[in-house]
PDB file of N, CA and C in Angstrom:
ATOM      1  N   UNK A   1     122.570 122.365  89.177  1.00  0.00           N
ATOM      2  CA  UNK A   1     123.940 122.014  88.906  1.00  0.00           C
ATOM      3  C   UNK A   1     124.678 121.944  90.243  1.00  0.00           C
ATOM      4  N   UNK A   2     125.412 120.866  90.424  1.00  0.00           N
ATOM      5  CA  UNK A   2     126.135 120.703  91.680  1.00  0.00           C
ATOM      6  C   UNK A   2     127.458 121.447  91.613  1.00  0.00           C
ATOM      7  N   UNK A   3     127.853 121.913  92.736  1.00  0.00           N
ATOM      8  CA  UNK A   3     129.113 122.646  92.809  1.00  0.00           C
ATOM      9  C   UNK A   3     130.257 121.642  92.811  1.00  0.00           C
ATOM     10  N   UNK A   4     131.235 121.887  91.930  1.00  0.00           N
ATOM     11  CA  UNK A   4     132.382 120.995  91.829  1.00  0.00           C
ATOM     12  C   UNK A   4     133.417 121.364  92.874  1.00  0.00           C
ATOM     13  N   UNK A   5     134.106 120.349  93.309  1.00  0.00           N
ATOM     14  CA  UNK A   5     135.229 120.567  94.225  1.00  0.00           C
ATOM     15  C   UNK A   5     136.311 121.328  93.461  1.00  0.00           C
ATOM     16  N   UNK A   6     137.140 122.041  94.152  1.00  0.00           N
ATOM     17  CA  UNK A   6     138.166 122.859  93.523  1.00  0.00           C
ATOM     18  C   UNK A   6     139.088 122.013  92.638  1.00  0.00           C
ATOM     19  N   UNK A   7     139.403 120.805  93.069  1.00  0.00           N
ATOM     20  CA  UNK A   7     140.283 119.944  92.268  1.00  0.00           C
ATOM     21  C   UNK A   7     139.577 119.457  91.002  1.00  0.00           C
ATOM     22  N   UNK A   8     138.289 119.246  91.062  1.00  0.00           N
ATOM     23  CA  UNK A   8     137.528 118.863  89.878  1.00  0.00           C
ATOM     24  C   UNK A   8     137.477 120.008  88.868  1.00  0.00           C
ATOM     25  N   UNK A   9     137.347 121.237  89.375  1.00  0.00           N
ATOM     26  CA  UNK A   9     137.370 122.406  88.491  1.00  0.00           C
ATOM     27  C   UNK A   9     138.730 122.540  87.810  1.00  0.00           C
ATOM     28  N   UNK A  10     139.789 122.342  88.575  1.00  0.00           N
ATOM     29  CA  UNK A  10     141.146 122.410  88.015  1.00  0.00           C
ATOM     30  C   UNK A  10     141.331 121.329  86.956  1.00  0.00           C
ATOM     31  N   UNK A  11     140.866 120.132  87.256  1.00  0.00           N
ATOM     32  CA  UNK A  11     141.014 119.027  86.306  1.00  0.00           C
ATOM     33  C   UNK A  11     140.246 119.316  85.019  1.00  0.00           C
ATOM     34  N   UNK A  12     139.050 119.857  85.128  1.00  0.00           N
ATOM     35  CA  UNK A  12     138.253 120.161  83.947  1.00  0.00           C
ATOM     36  C   UNK A  12     138.907 121.259  83.105  1.00  0.00           C
ATOM     37  N   UNK A  13     139.363 122.326  83.778  1.00  0.00           N
ATOM     38  CA  UNK A  13     140.037 123.413  83.056  1.00  0.00           C
ATOM     39  C   UNK A  13     141.317 122.922  82.381  1.00  0.00           C
ATOM     40  N   UNK A  14     142.053 122.053  83.074  1.00  0.00           N
ATOM     41  CA  UNK A  14     143.286 121.510  82.511  1.00  0.00           C
ATOM     42  C   UNK A  14     142.993 120.638  81.285  1.00  0.00           C
ATOM     43  N   UNK A  15     141.928 119.851  81.348  1.00  0.00           N
ATOM     44  CA  UNK A  15     141.549 119.002  80.211  1.00  0.00           C
ATOM     45  C   UNK A  15     141.177 119.862  79.001  1.00  0.00           C
ATOM     46  N   UNK A  16     140.422 120.918  79.230  1.00  0.00           N
ATOM     47  CA  UNK A  16     140.047 121.815  78.138  1.00  0.00           C
ATOM     48  C   UNK A  16     141.286 122.483  77.556  1.00  0.00           C
ATOM     49  N   UNK A  17     142.196 122.928  78.407  1.00  0.00           N
ATOM     50  CA  UNK A  17     143.428 123.576  77.945  1.00  0.00           C
ATOM     51  C   UNK A  17     144.275 122.617  77.109  1.00  0.00           C
ATOM     52  N   UNK A  18     144.411 121.372  77.569  1.00  0.00           N
ATOM     53  CA  UNK A  18     145.208 120.373  76.830  1.00  0.00           C
ATOM     54  C   UNK A  18     144.595 120.129  75.460  1.00  0.00           C
ATOM     55  N   UNK A  19     143.276 119.973  75.378  1.00  0.00           N
ATOM     56  CA  UNK A  19     142.609 119.766  74.086  1.00  0.00           C
ATOM     57  C   UNK A  19     142.824 120.952  73.156  1.00  0.00           C
ATOM     58  N   UNK A  20     142.661 122.169  73.671  1.00  0.00           N
ATOM     59  CA  UNK A  20     142.861 123.371  72.850  1.00  0.00           C
ATOM     60  C   UNK A  20     144.292 123.472  72.349  1.00  0.00           C
ATOM     61  N   UNK A  21     145.254 123.234  73.235  1.00  0.00           N
ATOM     62  CA  UNK A  21     146.668 123.331  72.838  1.00  0.00           C
ATOM     63  C   UNK A  21     147.016 122.275  71.780  1.00  0.00           C
ATOM     64  N   UNK A  22     146.488 121.069  71.938  1.00  0.00           N
ATOM     65  CA  UNK A  22     146.758 120.001  70.964  1.00  0.00           C
ATOM     66  C   UNK A  22     146.236 120.401  69.583  1.00  0.00           C
ATOM     67  N   UNK A  23     145.038 120.980  69.547  1.00  0.00           N
ATOM     68  CA  UNK A  23     144.482 121.427  68.263  1.00  0.00           C
ATOM     69  C   UNK A  23     145.309 122.562  67.661  1.00  0.00           C
ATOM     70  N   UNK A  24     145.738 123.503  68.483  1.00  0.00           N
ATOM     71  CA  UNK A  24     146.542 124.627  67.992  1.00  0.00           C
ATOM     72  C   UNK A  24     147.877 124.139  67.430  1.00  0.00           C
ATOM     73  N   UNK A  25     148.518 123.218  68.139  1.00  0.00           N
ATOM     74  CA  UNK A  25     149.802 122.687  67.675  1.00  0.00           C
ATOM     75  C   UNK A  25     149.608 121.917  66.366  1.00  0.00           C
ATOM     76  N   UNK A  26     148.574 121.094  66.302  1.00  0.00           N
ATOM     77  CA  UNK A  26     148.321 120.323  65.080  1.00  0.00           C
ATOM     78  C   UNK A  26     148.040 121.243  63.899  1.00  0.00           C
ATOM     79  N   UNK A  27     147.229 122.280  64.121  1.00  0.00           N
ATOM     80  CA  UNK A  27     146.948 123.233  63.043  1.00  0.00           C
ATOM     81  C   UNK A  27     148.215 123.951  62.595  1.00  0.00           C
ATOM     82  N   UNK A  28     149.070 124.290  63.544  1.00  0.00           N
ATOM     83  CA  UNK A  28     150.317 124.957  63.203  1.00  0.00           C
ATOM     84  C   UNK A  28     151.245 124.064  62.394  1.00  0.00           C
ATOM     85  N   UNK A  29     151.294 122.776  62.732  1.00  0.00           N
ATOM     86  CA  UNK A  29     152.163 121.844  61.999  1.00  0.00           C
ATOM     87  C   UNK A  29     151.615 121.527  60.620  1.00  0.00           C
ATOM     88  N   UNK A  30     150.310 121.342  60.536  1.00  0.00           N
ATOM     89  CA  UNK A  30     149.731 120.953  59.252  1.00  0.00           C
ATOM     90  C   UNK A  30     149.673 122.110  58.274  1.00  0.00           C
ATOM     91  N   UNK A  31     149.690 123.311  58.718  1.00  0.00           N
ATOM     92  CA  UNK A  31     149.744 124.456  57.824  1.00  0.00           C
ATOM     93  C   UNK A  31     148.656 124.449  56.771  1.00  0.00           C
ATOM     94  N   UNK A  32     147.436 124.300  57.153  1.00  0.00           N
ATOM     95  CA  UNK A  32     146.356 124.348  56.170  1.00  0.00           C
ATOM     96  C   UNK A  32     146.113 123.037  55.465  1.00  0.00           C
ATOM     97  N   UNK A  33     146.447 121.916  56.088  1.00  0.00           N
ATOM     98  CA  UNK A  33     146.113 120.619  55.516  1.00  0.00           C
ATOM     99  C   UNK A  33     147.202 119.963  54.689  1.00  0.00           C
ATOM    100  N   UNK A  34     148.398 120.514  54.676  1.00  0.00           N
ATOM    101  CA  UNK A  34     149.467 119.839  53.936  1.00  0.00           C
ATOM    102  C   UNK A  34     150.498 119.304  54.917  1.00  0.00           C
ATOM    103  N   UNK A  35     151.343 118.437  54.457  1.00  0.00           N
ATOM    104  CA  UNK A  35     152.360 117.845  55.316  1.00  0.00           C
ATOM    105  C   UNK A  35     153.251 118.922  55.911  1.00  0.00           C
ATOM    106  N   UNK A  36     153.732 118.699  57.142  1.00  0.00           N
ATOM    107  CA  UNK A  36     154.534 119.737  57.788  1.00  0.00           C
ATOM    108  C   UNK A  36     155.814 120.078  57.021  1.00  0.00           C
ATOM    109  N   UNK A  37     156.417 119.111  56.367  1.00  0.00           N
ATOM    110  CA  UNK A  37     157.660 119.378  55.658  1.00  0.00           C
ATOM    111  C   UNK A  37     157.500 119.267  54.147  1.00  0.00           C
ATOM    112  N   UNK A  38     156.276 119.239  53.679  1.00  0.00           N
ATOM    113  CA  UNK A  38     156.016 119.127  52.245  1.00  0.00           C
ATOM    114  C   UNK A  38     156.169 120.466  51.544  1.00  0.00           C
ATOM    115  N   UNK A  39     156.723 120.424  50.363  1.00  0.00           N
ATOM    116  CA  UNK A  39     156.883 121.641  49.568  1.00  0.00           C
ATOM    117  C   UNK A  39     155.602 121.895  48.782  1.00  0.00           C
ATOM    118  N   UNK A  40     155.313 123.159  48.560  1.00  0.00           N
ATOM    119  CA  UNK A  40     154.163 123.510  47.741  1.00  0.00           C
ATOM    120  C   UNK A  40     154.614 123.518  46.280  1.00  0.00           C
ATOM    121  N   UNK A  41     154.173 122.502  45.528  1.00  0.00           N
ATOM    122  CA  UNK A  41     154.564 122.357  44.134  1.00  0.00           C
ATOM    123  C   UNK A  41     153.331 122.379  43.250  1.00  0.00           C
ATOM    124  N   UNK A  42     153.529 122.855  42.020  1.00  0.00           N
ATOM    125  CA  UNK A  42     152.445 122.783  41.048  1.00  0.00           C
ATOM    126  C   UNK A  42     152.360 121.350  40.524  1.00  0.00           C
ATOM    127  N   UNK A  43     151.257 121.023  39.869  1.00  0.00           N
ATOM    128  CA  UNK A  43     151.107 119.679  39.294  1.00  0.00           C
ATOM    129  C   UNK A  43     152.210 119.401  38.273  1.00  0.00           C
ATOM    130  N   UNK A  44     152.574 120.415  37.516  1.00  0.00           N
ATOM    131  CA  UNK A  44     153.629 120.263  36.503  1.00  0.00           C
ATOM    132  C   UNK A  44     154.966 119.927  37.167  1.00  0.00           C
ATOM    133  N   UNK A  45     155.265 120.584  38.283  1.00  0.00           N
ATOM    134  CA  UNK A  45     156.517 120.310  38.997  1.00  0.00           C
ATOM    135  C   UNK A  45     156.515 118.906  39.595  1.00  0.00           C
ATOM    136  N   UNK A  46     155.355 118.461  40.091  1.00  0.00           N
ATOM    137  CA  UNK A  46     155.253 117.104  40.620  1.00  0.00           C
ATOM    138  C   UNK A  46     155.499 116.081  39.518  1.00  0.00           C
ATOM    139  N   UNK A  47     154.905 116.307  38.350  1.00  0.00           N
ATOM    140  CA  UNK A  47     155.093 115.370  37.236  1.00  0.00           C
ATOM    141  C   UNK A  47     156.548 115.356  36.778  1.00  0.00           C
ATOM    142  N   UNK A  48     157.208 116.517  36.773  1.00  0.00           N
ATOM    143  CA  UNK A  48     158.637 116.567  36.426  1.00  0.00           C
ATOM    144  C   UNK A  48     159.444 115.716  37.395  1.00  0.00           C
ATOM    145  N   UNK A  49     159.135 115.828  38.679  1.00  0.00           N
ATOM    146  CA  UNK A  49     159.835 115.062  39.713  1.00  0.00           C
ATOM    147  C   UNK A  49     159.660 113.556  39.492  1.00  0.00           C
ATOM    148  N   UNK A  50     158.405 113.134  39.306  1.00  0.00           N
ATOM    149  CA  UNK A  50     158.150 111.699  39.121  1.00  0.00           C
ATOM    150  C   UNK A  50     158.705 111.198  37.789  1.00  0.00           C
ATOM    151  N   UNK A  51     158.688 112.041  36.789  1.00  0.00           N
ATOM    152  CA  UNK A  51     159.251 111.654  35.493  1.00  0.00           C
ATOM    153  C   UNK A  51     160.723 111.294  35.639  1.00  0.00           C
ATOM    154  N   UNK A  52     161.446 112.101  36.391  1.00  0.00           N
ATOM    155  CA  UNK A  52     162.882 111.833  36.601  1.00  0.00           C
ATOM    156  C   UNK A  52     163.094 110.549  37.386  1.00  0.00           C
ATOM    157  N   UNK A  53     162.115 110.162  38.217  1.00  0.00           N
ATOM    158  CA  UNK A  53     162.255 108.932  38.993  1.00  0.00           C
ATOM    159  C   UNK A  53     161.967 107.679  38.183  1.00  0.00           C
ATOM    160  N   UNK A  54     161.014 107.744  37.279  1.00  0.00           N
ATOM    161  CA  UNK A  54     160.583 106.520  36.599  1.00  0.00           C
ATOM    162  C   UNK A  54     161.118 106.379  35.178  1.00  0.00           C
ATOM    163  N   UNK A  55     161.779 107.428  34.663  1.00  0.00           N
ATOM    164  CA  UNK A  55     162.372 107.340  33.337  1.00  0.00           C
ATOM    165  C   UNK A  55     163.833 107.774  33.401  1.00  0.00           C
ATOM    166  N   UNK A  56     164.677 107.079  32.654  1.00  0.00           N
ATOM    167  CA  UNK A  56     166.076 107.474  32.508  1.00  0.00           C
ATOM    168  C   UNK A  56     166.151 108.709  31.610  1.00  0.00           C
ATOM    169  N   UNK A  57     167.288 109.414  31.628  1.00  0.00           N
ATOM    170  CA  UNK A  57     167.406 110.613  30.781  1.00  0.00           C
ATOM    171  C   UNK A  57     167.163 110.349  29.290  1.00  0.00           C
ATOM    172  N   UNK A  58     167.452 109.114  28.829  1.00  0.00           N
ATOM    173  CA  UNK A  58     167.239 108.809  27.416  1.00  0.00           C
ATOM    174  C   UNK A  58     165.802 108.394  27.111  1.00  0.00           C
ATOM    175  N   UNK A  59     164.936 108.381  28.144  1.00  0.00           N
ATOM    176  CA  UNK A  59     163.529 108.064  27.926  1.00  0.00           C
ATOM    177  C   UNK A  59     163.164 106.620  28.186  1.00  0.00           C
ATOM    178  N   UNK A  60     164.138 105.774  28.442  1.00  0.00           N
ATOM    179  CA  UNK A  60     163.851 104.372  28.737  1.00  0.00           C
ATOM    180  C   UNK A  60     163.340 104.235  30.170  1.00  0.00           C
ATOM    181  N   UNK A  61     162.580 103.189  30.454  1.00  0.00           N
ATOM    182  CA  UNK A  61     162.059 103.014  31.812  1.00  0.00           C
ATOM    183  C   UNK A  61     163.186 102.793  32.824  1.00  0.00           C
ATOM    184  N   UNK A  62     163.063 103.398  33.983  1.00  0.00           N
ATOM    185  CA  UNK A  62     163.985 103.204  35.092  1.00  0.00           C
ATOM    186  C   UNK A  62     163.334 102.208  36.047  1.00  0.00           C
ATOM    187  N   UNK A  63     163.674 100.940  35.894  1.00  0.00           N
ATOM    188  CA  UNK A  63     163.021  99.871  36.647  1.00  0.00           C
ATOM    189  C   UNK A  63     163.257 100.024  38.150  1.00  0.00           C
ATOM    190  N   UNK A  64     164.492 100.326  38.533  1.00  0.00           N
ATOM    191  CA  UNK A  64     164.795 100.478  39.955  1.00  0.00           C
ATOM    192  C   UNK A  64     164.030 101.668  40.552  1.00  0.00           C
ATOM    193  N   UNK A  65     163.973 102.765  39.817  1.00  0.00           N
ATOM    194  CA  UNK A  65     163.240 103.937  40.283  1.00  0.00           C
ATOM    195  C   UNK A  65     161.757 103.655  40.422  1.00  0.00           C
ATOM    196  N   UNK A  66     161.222 102.889  39.487  1.00  0.00           N
ATOM    197  CA  UNK A  66     159.795 102.536  39.562  1.00  0.00           C
ATOM    198  C   UNK A  66     159.517 101.665  40.779  1.00  0.00           C
ATOM    199  N   UNK A  67     160.417 100.728  41.058  1.00  0.00           N
ATOM    200  CA  UNK A  67     160.223  99.849  42.212  1.00  0.00           C
ATOM    201  C   UNK A  67     160.304 100.648  43.512  1.00  0.00           C
ATOM    202  N   UNK A  68     161.254 101.579  43.599  1.00  0.00           N
ATOM    203  CA  UNK A  68     161.358 102.422  44.794  1.00  0.00           C
ATOM    204  C   UNK A  68     160.086 103.248  44.981  1.00  0.00           C
ATOM    205  N   UNK A  69     159.584 103.803  43.879  1.00  0.00           N
ATOM    206  CA  UNK A  69     158.364 104.601  43.943  1.00  0.00           C
ATOM    207  C   UNK A  69     157.181 103.737  44.387  1.00  0.00           C
ATOM    208  N   UNK A  70     157.064 102.546  43.828  1.00  0.00           N
ATOM    209  CA  UNK A  70     155.990 101.627  44.198  1.00  0.00           C
ATOM    210  C   UNK A  70     156.058 101.289  45.679  1.00  0.00           C
ATOM    211  N   UNK A  71     157.245 101.024  46.177  1.00  0.00           N
ATOM    212  CA  UNK A  71     157.409 100.708  47.595  1.00  0.00           C
ATOM    213  C   UNK A  71     157.041 101.904  48.475  1.00  0.00           C
ATOM    214  N   UNK A  72     157.320 103.105  47.997  1.00  0.00           N
ATOM    215  CA  UNK A  72     157.085 104.301  48.803  1.00  0.00           C
ATOM    216  C   UNK A  72     155.621 104.726  48.822  1.00  0.00           C
ATOM    217  N   UNK A  73     154.946 104.703  47.663  1.00  0.00           N
ATOM    218  CA  UNK A  73     153.577 105.240  47.587  1.00  0.00           C
ATOM    219  C   UNK A  73     152.506 104.158  47.517  1.00  0.00           C
ATOM    220  N   UNK A  74     152.872 102.900  47.380  1.00  0.00           N
ATOM    221  CA  UNK A  74     151.884 101.828  47.297  1.00  0.00           C
ATOM    222  C   UNK A  74     151.301 101.706  45.894  1.00  0.00           C
ATOM    223  N   UNK A  75     150.474 100.695  45.723  1.00  0.00           N
ATOM    224  CA  UNK A  75     149.938 100.386  44.400  1.00  0.00           C
ATOM    225  C   UNK A  75     149.031 101.503  43.890  1.00  0.00           C
ATOM    226  N   UNK A  76     148.120 101.979  44.734  1.00  0.00           N
ATOM    227  CA  UNK A  76     147.180 103.014  44.279  1.00  0.00           C
ATOM    228  C   UNK A  76     147.918 104.294  43.889  1.00  0.00           C
ATOM    229  N   UNK A  77     148.869 104.709  44.718  1.00  0.00           N
ATOM    230  CA  UNK A  77     149.625 105.915  44.406  1.00  0.00           C
ATOM    231  C   UNK A  77     150.434 105.743  43.136  1.00  0.00           C
ATOM    232  N   UNK A  78     151.018 104.550  42.971  1.00  0.00           N
ATOM    233  CA  UNK A  78     151.824 104.270  41.785  1.00  0.00           C
ATOM    234  C   UNK A  78     150.963 104.336  40.523  1.00  0.00           C
ATOM    235  N   UNK A  79     149.785 103.731  40.588  1.00  0.00           N
ATOM    236  CA  UNK A  79     148.880 103.748  39.428  1.00  0.00           C
ATOM    237  C   UNK A  79     148.473 105.187  39.106  1.00  0.00           C
ATOM    238  N   UNK A  80     148.180 105.965  40.126  1.00  0.00           N
ATOM    239  CA  UNK A  80     147.780 107.357  39.916  1.00  0.00           C
ATOM    240  C   UNK A  80     148.913 108.154  39.256  1.00  0.00           C
ATOM    241  N   UNK A  81     150.129 107.977  39.749  1.00  0.00           N
ATOM    242  CA  UNK A  81     151.275 108.701  39.194  1.00  0.00           C
ATOM    243  C   UNK A  81     151.551 108.262  37.766  1.00  0.00           C
ATOM    244  N   UNK A  82     151.568 106.953  37.528  1.00  0.00           N
ATOM    245  CA  UNK A  82     151.878 106.458  36.191  1.00  0.00           C
ATOM    246  C   UNK A  82     150.772 106.842  35.204  1.00  0.00           C
ATOM    247  N   UNK A  83     149.522 106.895  35.661  1.00  0.00           N
ATOM    248  CA  UNK A  83     148.431 107.320  34.775  1.00  0.00           C
ATOM    249  C   UNK A  83     148.614 108.778  34.370  1.00  0.00           C
ATOM    250  N   UNK A  84     148.992 109.615  35.336  1.00  0.00           N
ATOM    251  CA  UNK A  84     149.221 111.026  35.024  1.00  0.00           C
ATOM    252  C   UNK A  84     150.396 111.182  34.067  1.00  0.00           C
ATOM    253  N   UNK A  85     151.444 110.386  34.263  1.00  0.00           N
ATOM    254  CA  UNK A  85     152.593 110.453  33.359  1.00  0.00           C
ATOM    255  C   UNK A  85     152.243 109.928  31.973  1.00  0.00           C
ATOM    256  N   UNK A  86     151.413 108.884  31.912  1.00  0.00           N
ATOM    257  CA  UNK A  86     150.999 108.346  30.608  1.00  0.00           C
ATOM    258  C   UNK A  86     150.157 109.373  29.860  1.00  0.00           C
ATOM    259  N   UNK A  87     149.288 110.070  30.588  1.00  0.00           N
ATOM    260  CA  UNK A  87     148.480 111.114  29.963  1.00  0.00           C
ATOM    261  C   UNK A  87     149.387 112.236  29.444  1.00  0.00           C
ATOM    262  N   UNK A  88     150.370 112.567  30.239  1.00  0.00           N
ATOM    263  CA  UNK A  88     151.331 113.601  29.830  1.00  0.00           C
ATOM    264  C   UNK A  88     152.124 113.145  28.607  1.00  0.00           C
ATOM    265  N   UNK A  89     152.495 111.875  28.582  1.00  0.00           N
ATOM    266  CA  UNK A  89     153.236 111.337  27.437  1.00  0.00           C
ATOM    267  C   UNK A  89     152.390 111.415  26.185  1.00  0.00           C
ATOM    268  N   UNK A  90     151.104 111.178  26.339  1.00  0.00           N
ATOM    269  CA  UNK A  90     150.190 111.274  25.209  1.00  0.00           C
ATOM    270  C   UNK A  90     150.189 112.664  24.600  1.00  0.00           C
ATOM    271  N   UNK A  91     150.481 113.665  25.416  1.00  0.00           N
ATOM    272  CA  UNK A  91     150.573 115.030  24.916  1.00  0.00           C
ATOM    273  C   UNK A  91     151.964 115.330  24.371  1.00  0.00           C
ATOM    274  N   UNK A  92     152.835 114.302  24.378  1.00  0.00           N
ATOM    275  CA  UNK A  92     154.173 114.479  23.815  1.00  0.00           C
ATOM    276  C   UNK A  92     155.154 115.164  24.743  1.00  0.00           C
ATOM    277  N   UNK A  93     154.879 115.132  26.053  1.00  0.00           N
ATOM    278  CA  UNK A  93     155.749 115.829  26.989  1.00  0.00           C
ATOM    279  C   UNK A  93     156.915 114.970  27.468  1.00  0.00           C
ATOM    280  N   UNK A  94     156.711 113.663  27.630  1.00  0.00           N
ATOM    281  CA  UNK A  94     157.788 112.814  28.115  1.00  0.00           C
ATOM    282  C   UNK A  94     158.696 112.392  26.970  1.00  0.00           C
ATOM    283  N   UNK A  95     159.985 112.212  27.247  1.00  0.00           N
ATOM    284  CA  UNK A  95     160.873 111.754  26.184  1.00  0.00           C
ATOM    285  C   UNK A  95     160.523 110.330  25.780  1.00  0.00           C
ATOM    286  N   UNK A  96     160.601 110.074  24.504  1.00  0.00           N
ATOM    287  CA  UNK A  96     160.343 108.719  24.027  1.00  0.00           C
ATOM    288  C   UNK A  96     161.678 108.029  23.791  1.00  0.00           C
ATOM    289  N   UNK A  97     161.728 106.720  24.004  1.00  0.00           N
ATOM    290  CA  UNK A  97     162.989 106.008  23.796  1.00  0.00           C
ATOM    291  C   UNK A  97     163.430 106.115  22.333  1.00  0.00           C
ATOM    292  N   UNK A  98     164.739 106.117  22.092  1.00  0.00           N
ATOM    293  CA  UNK A  98     165.219 106.205  20.722  1.00  0.00           C
ATOM    294  C   UNK A  98     164.838 104.958  19.930  1.00  0.00           C
ATOM    295  N   UNK A  99     164.568 105.169  18.658  1.00  0.00           N
ATOM    296  CA  UNK A  99     164.267 104.040  17.786  1.00  0.00           C
ATOM    297  C   UNK A  99     165.559 103.251  17.576  1.00  0.00           C
ATOM    298  N   UNK A 100     165.469 101.952  17.718  1.00  0.00           N
ATOM    299  CA  UNK A 100     166.654 101.119  17.519  1.00  0.00           C
ATOM    300  C   UNK A 100     166.254  99.862  16.761  1.00  0.00           C
ATOM    301  N   UNK A 101     167.256  99.219  16.230  1.00  0.00           N
ATOM    302  CA  UNK A 101     167.030  97.974  15.508  1.00  0.00           C
ATOM    303  C   UNK A 101     166.628  96.899  16.508  1.00  0.00           C
ATOM    304  N   UNK A 102     165.744  95.993  16.139  1.00  0.00           N
ATOM    305  CA  UNK A 102     165.402  94.911  17.062  1.00  0.00           C
ATOM    306  C   UNK A 102     166.642  94.086  17.380  1.00  0.00           C
ATOM    307  N   UNK A 103     166.798  93.776  18.644  1.00  0.00           N
ATOM    308  CA  UNK A 103     167.944  92.998  19.079  1.00  0.00           C
ATOM    309  C   UNK A 103     167.679  91.521  18.815  1.00  0.00           C
ATOM    310  N   UNK A 104     168.684  90.802  18.319  1.00  0.00           N
ATOM    311  CA  UNK A 104     168.477  89.366  18.088  1.00  0.00           C
ATOM    312  C   UNK A 104     168.290  88.651  19.419  1.00  0.00           C
ATOM    313  N   UNK A 105     167.448  87.631  19.424  1.00  0.00           N
ATOM    314  CA  UNK A 105     167.207  86.846  20.633  1.00  0.00           C
ATOM    315  C   UNK A 105     168.317  85.839  20.831  1.00  0.00           C
ATOM    316  N   UNK A 106     168.206  84.995  21.836  1.00  0.00           N
ATOM    317  CA  UNK A 106     169.213  83.965  22.066  1.00  0.00           C
ATOM    318  C   UNK A 106     169.247  82.982  20.893  1.00  0.00           C
ATOM    319  N   UNK A 107     170.362  82.329  20.765  1.00  0.00           N
ATOM    320  CA  UNK A 107     170.526  81.365  19.672  1.00  0.00           C
ATOM    321  C   UNK A 107     169.446  80.302  19.789  1.00  0.00           C
ATOM    322  N   UNK A 108     168.767  80.043  18.707  1.00  0.00           N
ATOM    323  CA  UNK A 108     167.733  79.018  18.669  1.00  0.00           C
ATOM    324  C   UNK A 108     166.369  79.510  19.130  1.00  0.00           C
ATOM    325  N   UNK A 109     166.262  80.773  19.481  1.00  0.00           N
ATOM    326  CA  UNK A 109     164.969  81.297  19.935  1.00  0.00           C
ATOM    327  C   UNK A 109     164.021  81.397  18.754  1.00  0.00           C
ATOM    328  N   UNK A 110     162.765  81.100  19.013  1.00  0.00           N
ATOM    329  CA  UNK A 110     161.748  81.176  17.980  1.00  0.00           C
ATOM    330  C   UNK A 110     160.647  82.119  18.437  1.00  0.00           C
ATOM    331  N   UNK A 111     159.986  82.705  17.490  1.00  0.00           N
ATOM    332  CA  UNK A 111     158.854  83.560  17.830  1.00  0.00           C
ATOM    333  C   UNK A 111     157.687  82.676  18.249  1.00  0.00           C
ATOM    334  N   UNK A 112     156.670  83.259  18.815  1.00  0.00           N
ATOM    335  CA  UNK A 112     155.488  82.509  19.251  1.00  0.00           C
ATOM    336  C   UNK A 112     154.870  81.783  18.071  1.00  0.00           C
ATOM    337  N   UNK A 113     154.833  82.455  16.923  1.00  0.00           N
ATOM    338  CA  UNK A 113     154.212  81.849  15.752  1.00  0.00           C
ATOM    339  C   UNK A 113     154.986  80.614  15.298  1.00  0.00           C
ATOM    340  N   UNK A 114     156.287  80.588  15.523  1.00  0.00           N
ATOM    341  CA  UNK A 114     157.113  79.468  15.074  1.00  0.00           C
ATOM    342  C   UNK A 114     157.057  78.281  16.031  1.00  0.00           C
ATOM    343  N   UNK A 115     156.607  78.488  17.258  1.00  0.00           N
ATOM    344  CA  UNK A 115     156.597  77.409  18.240  1.00  0.00           C
ATOM    345  C   UNK A 115     155.392  76.505  18.031  1.00  0.00           C
ATOM    346  N   UNK A 116     155.577  75.248  18.381  1.00  0.00           N
ATOM    347  CA  UNK A 116     154.501  74.279  18.269  1.00  0.00           C
ATOM    348  C   UNK A 116     153.652  74.328  19.536  1.00  0.00           C
ATOM    349  N   UNK A 117     152.350  74.071  19.424  1.00  0.00           N
ATOM    350  CA  UNK A 117     151.500  74.085  20.611  1.00  0.00           C
ATOM    351  C   UNK A 117     151.901  72.975  21.575  1.00  0.00           C
ATOM    352  N   UNK A 118     151.699  73.215  22.872  1.00  0.00           N
ATOM    353  CA  UNK A 118     152.018  72.213  23.883  1.00  0.00           C
ATOM    354  C   UNK A 118     150.949  71.134  23.891  1.00  0.00           C
ATOM    355  N   UNK A 119     151.388  69.900  24.136  1.00  0.00           N
ATOM    356  CA  UNK A 119     150.427  68.806  24.266  1.00  0.00           C
ATOM    357  C   UNK A 119     149.900  68.803  25.693  1.00  0.00           C
ATOM    358  N   UNK A 120     148.815  68.078  25.932  1.00  0.00           N
ATOM    359  CA  UNK A 120     148.228  68.007  27.265  1.00  0.00           C
ATOM    360  C   UNK A 120     149.223  67.386  28.245  1.00  0.00           C
ATOM    361  N   UNK A 121     150.046  66.441  27.779  1.00  0.00           N
ATOM    362  CA  UNK A 121     151.024  65.800  28.638  1.00  0.00           C
ATOM    363  C   UNK A 121     152.098  66.813  29.081  1.00  0.00           C
ATOM    364  N   UNK A 122     152.493  67.727  28.177  1.00  0.00           N
ATOM    365  CA  UNK A 122     153.478  68.738  28.527  1.00  0.00           C
ATOM    366  C   UNK A 122     152.911  69.743  29.522  1.00  0.00           C
ATOM    367  N   UNK A 123     151.631  70.007  29.438  1.00  0.00           N
ATOM    368  CA  UNK A 123     150.998  70.947  30.360  1.00  0.00           C
ATOM    369  C   UNK A 123     150.867  70.326  31.747  1.00  0.00           C
ATOM    370  N   UNK A 124     150.800  69.023  31.827  1.00  0.00           N
ATOM    371  CA  UNK A 124     150.719  68.348  33.107  1.00  0.00           C
ATOM    372  C   UNK A 124     149.347  67.847  33.451  1.00  0.00           C
ATOM    373  N   UNK A 125     148.514  67.633  32.455  1.00  0.00           N
ATOM    374  CA  UNK A 125     147.167  67.101  32.724  1.00  0.00           C
ATOM    375  C   UNK A 125     147.101  65.657  32.361  1.00  0.00           C
TER     376      UNK A 125
END
């Protein structure tokens, strides 16, 4: 083994110290693998939080809240959250929308069954 110059020894020790300090700081911030500013919540508390975001107090869908959530967590996160909420709803935990009379459609509106099939010319072929 060749003897290192004093400056090379200092540089090596400094590099090791910087690596160790970076790991210590990262471990301190992550606190055991969770976000530095994330709260420790149970799954039930997380579902309560997301429920308030995606459903109005009367149980109807909150479209704006759902869009904000989708933008924040992405498609995969949104699907995961909504699947968990749907499973919870299946257990009767989420509020269901109130039963109401069907609202009349616009004047002259017909149901699908009442409409005539489109011709090929109308489709654009």
